[in-house]
């Protein structure tokens, strides 16, 4: 897939925007408007550059941040879930278990 320099810059701006603001739930439409790229180019280009669709990439970043918080802080699971942008503790626990094959409290205790 060929990506123009402008489109690549826009895609990189989207990556920076979502990783700096992982608690925000942006739509593809909003993201494309913010950086000045067509929605289709954003979706296809982001997956090409980062290996995952935008929202899967965002979920991965949320879970990586949650994992770090579990390791580095004494925050409760509920506080961590909220801090990284999950709407509920059960959805956070389910996503964490799916990605890391263990519950957050099990991960923390190891």
N, C-alpha and C. Protein backbone atom coordinates (compact mmCIF):
# COMPACT_ATOMS: atom_id res chain seq x y z
N UNK A 1 0.84 -1.18 0.00
CA UNK A 1 0.00 0.00 0.00
C UNK A 1 0.89 1.25 0.00
N UNK A 2 0.60 2.17 -0.90
CA UNK A 2 1.34 3.42 -0.96
C UNK A 2 0.64 4.45 -0.09
N UNK A 3 1.43 5.11 0.75
CA UNK A 3 0.89 6.16 1.61
C UNK A 3 1.70 7.42 1.34
N UNK A 4 1.01 8.50 1.04
CA UNK A 4 1.72 9.76 0.78
C UNK A 4 2.32 10.28 2.08
N UNK A 5 3.28 11.17 1.95
CA UNK A 5 3.93 11.75 3.12
C UNK A 5 2.90 12.48 3.99
N UNK A 6 1.97 13.18 3.36
CA UNK A 6 0.93 13.90 4.10
C UNK A 6 0.05 12.91 4.88
N UNK A 7 -0.39 11.85 4.20
CA UNK A 7 -1.24 10.87 4.87
C UNK A 7 -0.51 10.19 6.02
N UNK A 8 0.77 9.89 5.82
CA UNK A 8 1.55 9.26 6.89
C UNK A 8 1.65 10.19 8.10
N UNK A 9 1.88 11.46 7.84
CA UNK A 9 1.93 12.44 8.93
C UNK A 9 0.60 12.48 9.67
N UNK A 10 -0.51 12.48 8.94
CA UNK A 10 -1.84 12.49 9.55
C UNK A 10 -2.07 11.23 10.39
N UNK A 11 -1.67 10.10 9.87
CA UNK A 11 -1.83 8.81 10.58
C UNK A 11 -1.00 8.83 11.86
N UNK A 12 0.20 9.35 11.79
CA UNK A 12 1.06 9.45 12.97
C UNK A 12 0.46 10.41 14.00
N UNK A 13 -0.18 11.48 13.52
CA UNK A 13 -0.84 12.41 14.43
C UNK A 13 -2.01 11.74 15.15
N UNK A 14 -2.73 10.89 14.45
CA UNK A 14 -3.84 10.14 15.07
C UNK A 14 -3.28 9.21 16.14
N UNK A 15 -2.21 8.51 15.84
CA UNK A 15 -1.61 7.59 16.82
C UNK A 15 -1.20 8.37 18.06
N UNK A 16 -0.57 9.51 17.88
CA UNK A 16 -0.15 10.33 19.01
C UNK A 16 -1.36 10.84 19.80
N UNK A 17 -2.38 11.26 19.10
CA UNK A 17 -3.59 11.77 19.75
C UNK A 17 -4.26 10.71 20.61
N UNK A 18 -4.43 9.51 20.06
CA UNK A 18 -5.13 8.48 20.84
C UNK A 18 -4.27 7.93 21.97
N UNK A 19 -2.96 7.87 21.80
CA UNK A 19 -2.13 7.34 22.89
C UNK A 19 -1.96 8.36 24.01
N UNK A 20 -2.02 9.64 23.70
CA UNK A 20 -1.92 10.66 24.74
C UNK A 20 -3.26 10.86 25.45
N UNK A 21 -4.34 10.43 24.83
CA UNK A 21 -5.67 10.62 25.38
C UNK A 21 -6.44 9.30 25.38
N UNK A 22 -5.88 8.27 26.01
CA UNK A 22 -6.47 6.93 25.89
C UNK A 22 -7.84 6.81 26.52
N UNK A 23 -8.22 7.75 27.36
CA UNK A 23 -9.55 7.67 27.97
C UNK A 23 -10.64 8.24 27.06
N UNK A 24 -10.26 8.98 26.03
CA UNK A 24 -11.25 9.55 25.11
C UNK A 24 -11.72 8.50 24.11
N UNK A 25 -12.98 8.55 23.81
CA UNK A 25 -13.55 7.65 22.80
C UNK A 25 -13.83 8.44 21.53
N UNK A 26 -12.81 8.60 20.72
CA UNK A 26 -12.95 9.31 19.45
C UNK A 26 -13.61 8.39 18.42
N UNK A 27 -14.34 8.97 17.51
CA UNK A 27 -14.84 8.22 16.37
C UNK A 27 -13.84 8.39 15.22
N UNK A 28 -13.92 7.51 14.24
CA UNK A 28 -13.07 7.65 13.05
C UNK A 28 -13.34 8.99 12.39
N UNK A 29 -14.59 9.38 12.34
CA UNK A 29 -14.98 10.66 11.74
C UNK A 29 -14.29 11.83 12.43
N UNK A 30 -14.34 11.85 13.74
CA UNK A 30 -13.70 12.93 14.50
C UNK A 30 -12.19 12.92 14.30
N UNK A 31 -11.58 11.74 14.39
CA UNK A 31 -10.13 11.64 14.20
C UNK A 31 -9.72 12.13 12.81
N UNK A 32 -10.45 11.71 11.80
CA UNK A 32 -10.09 12.11 10.43
C UNK A 32 -10.24 13.62 10.25
N UNK A 33 -11.25 14.21 10.87
CA UNK A 33 -11.44 15.66 10.79
C UNK A 33 -10.32 16.40 11.53
N UNK A 34 -9.94 15.89 12.69
CA UNK A 34 -8.90 16.55 13.50
C UNK A 34 -7.57 16.65 12.77
N UNK A 35 -7.23 15.62 11.99
CA UNK A 35 -5.91 15.61 11.35
C UNK A 35 -5.96 15.89 9.85
N UNK A 36 -7.14 15.96 9.28
CA UNK A 36 -7.27 16.32 7.87
C UNK A 36 -6.99 15.20 6.89
N UNK A 37 -7.58 14.04 7.15
CA UNK A 37 -7.42 12.90 6.25
C UNK A 37 -8.79 12.24 6.05
N UNK A 38 -8.99 11.68 4.91
CA UNK A 38 -10.21 10.96 4.58
C UNK A 38 -10.35 9.74 5.51
N UNK A 39 -11.58 9.43 5.93
CA UNK A 39 -11.82 8.32 6.87
C UNK A 39 -11.29 6.99 6.34
N UNK A 40 -11.52 6.71 5.08
CA UNK A 40 -11.07 5.45 4.50
C UNK A 40 -9.54 5.36 4.49
N UNK A 41 -8.89 6.45 4.12
CA UNK A 41 -7.42 6.47 4.14
C UNK A 41 -6.90 6.28 5.56
N UNK A 42 -7.58 6.89 6.51
CA UNK A 42 -7.17 6.75 7.90
C UNK A 42 -7.27 5.30 8.35
N UNK A 43 -8.41 4.67 8.10
CA UNK A 43 -8.60 3.28 8.54
C UNK A 43 -7.59 2.34 7.88
N UNK A 44 -7.47 2.42 6.58
CA UNK A 44 -6.57 1.52 5.86
C UNK A 44 -5.10 1.84 6.16
N UNK A 45 -4.78 3.12 6.17
CA UNK A 45 -3.40 3.53 6.41
C UNK A 45 -2.94 3.22 7.82
N UNK A 46 -3.82 3.43 8.80
CA UNK A 46 -3.45 3.15 10.19
C UNK A 46 -3.15 1.68 10.37
N UNK A 47 -4.00 0.83 9.82
CA UNK A 47 -3.78 -0.61 9.94
C UNK A 47 -2.48 -1.01 9.25
N UNK A 48 -2.20 -0.41 8.11
CA UNK A 48 -0.98 -0.71 7.37
C UNK A 48 0.26 -0.29 8.18
N UNK A 49 0.23 0.89 8.76
CA UNK A 49 1.39 1.43 9.48
C UNK A 49 1.58 0.78 10.84
N UNK A 50 0.48 0.58 11.59
CA UNK A 50 0.59 0.11 12.97
C UNK A 50 0.18 -1.35 13.17
N UNK A 51 -0.30 -1.99 12.12
CA UNK A 51 -0.60 -3.42 12.20
C UNK A 51 -1.94 -3.78 12.81
N UNK A 52 -2.71 -2.78 13.25
CA UNK A 52 -4.01 -3.01 13.86
C UNK A 52 -4.95 -1.89 13.46
N UNK A 53 -6.24 -2.17 13.41
CA UNK A 53 -7.21 -1.08 13.22
C UNK A 53 -7.10 -0.09 14.38
N UNK A 54 -7.56 1.13 14.17
CA UNK A 54 -7.42 2.20 15.15
C UNK A 54 -7.90 1.78 16.53
N UNK A 55 -9.12 1.24 16.62
CA UNK A 55 -9.69 0.97 17.94
C UNK A 55 -9.07 -0.25 18.62
N UNK A 56 -8.59 -1.21 17.86
CA UNK A 56 -7.87 -2.33 18.45
C UNK A 56 -6.53 -1.82 19.00
N UNK A 57 -5.89 -0.96 18.25
CA UNK A 57 -4.63 -0.36 18.70
C UNK A 57 -4.84 0.40 20.00
N UNK A 58 -5.92 1.18 20.06
CA UNK A 58 -6.24 1.93 21.26
C UNK A 58 -6.48 0.99 22.45
N UNK A 59 -7.19 -0.09 22.23
CA UNK A 59 -7.45 -1.05 23.31
C UNK A 59 -6.13 -1.66 23.81
N UNK A 60 -5.25 -1.99 22.88
CA UNK A 60 -3.94 -2.53 23.26
C UNK A 60 -3.18 -1.52 24.12
N UNK A 61 -3.20 -0.26 23.73
CA UNK A 61 -2.52 0.78 24.50
C UNK A 61 -3.14 0.93 25.89
N UNK A 62 -4.47 0.85 25.97
CA UNK A 62 -5.14 0.94 27.27
C UNK A 62 -4.70 -0.21 28.18
N UNK A 63 -4.65 -1.40 27.62
CA UNK A 63 -4.28 -2.57 28.42
C UNK A 63 -2.80 -2.54 28.81
N UNK A 64 -1.95 -2.05 27.94
CA UNK A 64 -0.54 -1.92 28.29
C UNK A 64 -0.37 -0.92 29.43
N UNK A 65 -1.11 0.17 29.37
CA UNK A 65 -1.04 1.18 30.44
C UNK A 65 -1.59 0.60 31.75
N UNK A 66 -2.68 -0.15 31.66
CA UNK A 66 -3.25 -0.78 32.85
C UNK A 66 -2.26 -1.76 33.46
N UNK A 67 -1.58 -2.52 32.64
CA UNK A 67 -0.58 -3.47 33.13
C UNK A 67 0.52 -2.74 33.88
N UNK A 68 0.98 -1.63 33.32
CA UNK A 68 2.01 -0.82 34.00
C UNK A 68 1.50 -0.29 35.33
N UNK A 69 0.27 0.16 35.36
CA UNK A 69 -0.30 0.68 36.61
C UNK A 69 -0.44 -0.41 37.66
N UNK A 70 -0.79 -1.61 37.22
CA UNK A 70 -0.87 -2.74 38.16
C UNK A 70 0.51 -3.04 38.76
N UNK A 71 1.54 -2.92 37.95
CA UNK A 71 2.90 -3.19 38.41
C UNK A 71 3.46 -2.08 39.29
N UNK A 72 3.13 -0.84 38.96
CA UNK A 72 3.81 0.30 39.55
C UNK A 72 3.04 1.02 40.65
N UNK A 73 1.75 0.73 40.79
CA UNK A 73 0.96 1.47 41.77
C UNK A 73 0.16 0.52 42.65
N UNK A 74 -0.47 1.10 43.64
CA UNK A 74 -1.36 0.36 44.53
C UNK A 74 -2.83 0.69 44.21
N UNK A 75 -3.07 1.34 43.08
CA UNK A 75 -4.44 1.69 42.70
C UNK A 75 -5.30 0.43 42.62
N UNK A 76 -6.58 0.57 42.93
CA UNK A 76 -7.49 -0.56 42.80
C UNK A 76 -7.72 -0.86 41.33
N UNK A 77 -8.21 -2.05 41.06
CA UNK A 77 -8.54 -2.41 39.68
C UNK A 77 -9.57 -1.46 39.11
N UNK A 78 -10.55 -1.08 39.91
CA UNK A 78 -11.60 -0.17 39.45
C UNK A 78 -11.01 1.20 39.08
N UNK A 79 -10.08 1.68 39.89
CA UNK A 79 -9.44 2.97 39.62
C UNK A 79 -8.60 2.89 38.34
N UNK A 80 -7.92 1.78 38.17
CA UNK A 80 -7.10 1.60 36.96
C UNK A 80 -8.00 1.52 35.73
N UNK A 81 -9.07 0.75 35.83
CA UNK A 81 -10.01 0.63 34.71
C UNK A 81 -10.50 2.01 34.28
N UNK A 82 -10.87 2.82 35.25
CA UNK A 82 -11.36 4.17 34.96
C UNK A 82 -10.25 5.04 34.37
N UNK A 83 -9.07 4.94 34.95
CA UNK A 83 -7.93 5.76 34.53
C UNK A 83 -7.54 5.50 33.07
N UNK A 84 -7.69 4.27 32.61
CA UNK A 84 -7.32 3.96 31.23
C UNK A 84 -8.51 3.99 30.27
N UNK A 85 -9.69 4.33 30.78
CA UNK A 85 -10.81 4.58 29.89
C UNK A 85 -11.81 3.45 29.69
N UNK A 86 -11.80 2.45 30.55
CA UNK A 86 -12.83 1.41 30.44
C UNK A 86 -14.09 1.91 31.14
N UNK A 87 -15.23 1.60 30.57
CA UNK A 87 -16.50 2.07 31.12
C UNK A 87 -16.91 1.31 32.38
N UNK A 88 -16.44 0.08 32.50
CA UNK A 88 -16.81 -0.72 33.66
C UNK A 88 -15.67 -1.64 34.06
N UNK A 89 -15.66 -2.01 35.33
CA UNK A 89 -14.65 -2.94 35.83
C UNK A 89 -14.76 -4.30 35.15
N UNK A 90 -15.97 -4.87 35.00
CA UNK A 90 -16.06 -6.18 34.32
C UNK A 90 -15.51 -6.16 32.89
N UNK A 91 -15.74 -5.09 32.15
CA UNK A 91 -15.20 -5.05 30.78
C UNK A 91 -13.68 -4.95 30.79
N UNK A 92 -13.13 -4.24 31.76
CA UNK A 92 -11.67 -4.17 31.91
C UNK A 92 -11.10 -5.54 32.24
N UNK A 93 -11.68 -6.21 33.22
CA UNK A 93 -11.19 -7.52 33.64
C UNK A 93 -11.24 -8.51 32.48
N UNK A 94 -12.35 -8.50 31.74
CA UNK A 94 -12.51 -9.41 30.60
C UNK A 94 -11.44 -9.13 29.53
N UNK A 95 -11.23 -7.87 29.21
CA UNK A 95 -10.24 -7.50 28.19
C UNK A 95 -8.82 -7.84 28.65
N UNK A 96 -8.52 -7.58 29.92
CA UNK A 96 -7.20 -7.88 30.46
C UNK A 96 -6.93 -9.39 30.39
N UNK A 97 -7.92 -10.16 30.81
CA UNK A 97 -7.76 -11.62 30.80
C UNK A 97 -7.57 -12.14 29.37
N UNK A 98 -8.31 -11.57 28.44
CA UNK A 98 -8.18 -12.00 27.04
C UNK A 98 -6.78 -11.70 26.50
N UNK A 99 -6.24 -10.54 26.83
CA UNK A 99 -4.92 -10.17 26.30
C UNK A 99 -3.78 -10.88 27.03
N UNK A 100 -3.85 -10.97 28.36
CA UNK A 100 -2.72 -11.46 29.14
C UNK A 100 -2.94 -12.86 29.74
N UNK A 101 -4.05 -13.48 29.46
CA UNK A 101 -4.35 -14.84 29.93
C UNK A 101 -4.38 -14.97 31.45
N UNK A 102 -4.64 -13.89 32.12
CA UNK A 102 -4.81 -13.95 33.57
C UNK A 102 -5.59 -12.72 34.04
N UNK A 103 -6.20 -12.87 35.18
CA UNK A 103 -6.95 -11.76 35.76
C UNK A 103 -5.99 -10.70 36.28
N UNK A 104 -6.42 -9.44 36.32
CA UNK A 104 -5.54 -8.38 36.80
C UNK A 104 -5.02 -8.63 38.22
N UNK A 105 -5.87 -9.12 39.12
CA UNK A 105 -5.40 -9.35 40.50
C UNK A 105 -4.38 -10.49 40.57
N UNK A 106 -4.52 -11.47 39.71
CA UNK A 106 -3.53 -12.57 39.64
C UNK A 106 -2.21 -12.03 39.11
N UNK A 107 -2.30 -11.20 38.07
CA UNK A 107 -1.09 -10.59 37.50
C UNK A 107 -0.37 -9.76 38.55
N UNK A 108 -1.11 -8.97 39.29
CA UNK A 108 -0.50 -8.09 40.30
C UNK A 108 0.17 -8.88 41.41
N UNK A 109 -0.42 -9.99 41.80
CA UNK A 109 0.12 -10.77 42.93
C UNK A 109 1.37 -11.56 42.57
N UNK A 110 1.69 -11.66 41.31
CA UNK A 110 2.87 -12.44 40.91
C UNK A 110 4.14 -11.63 40.96
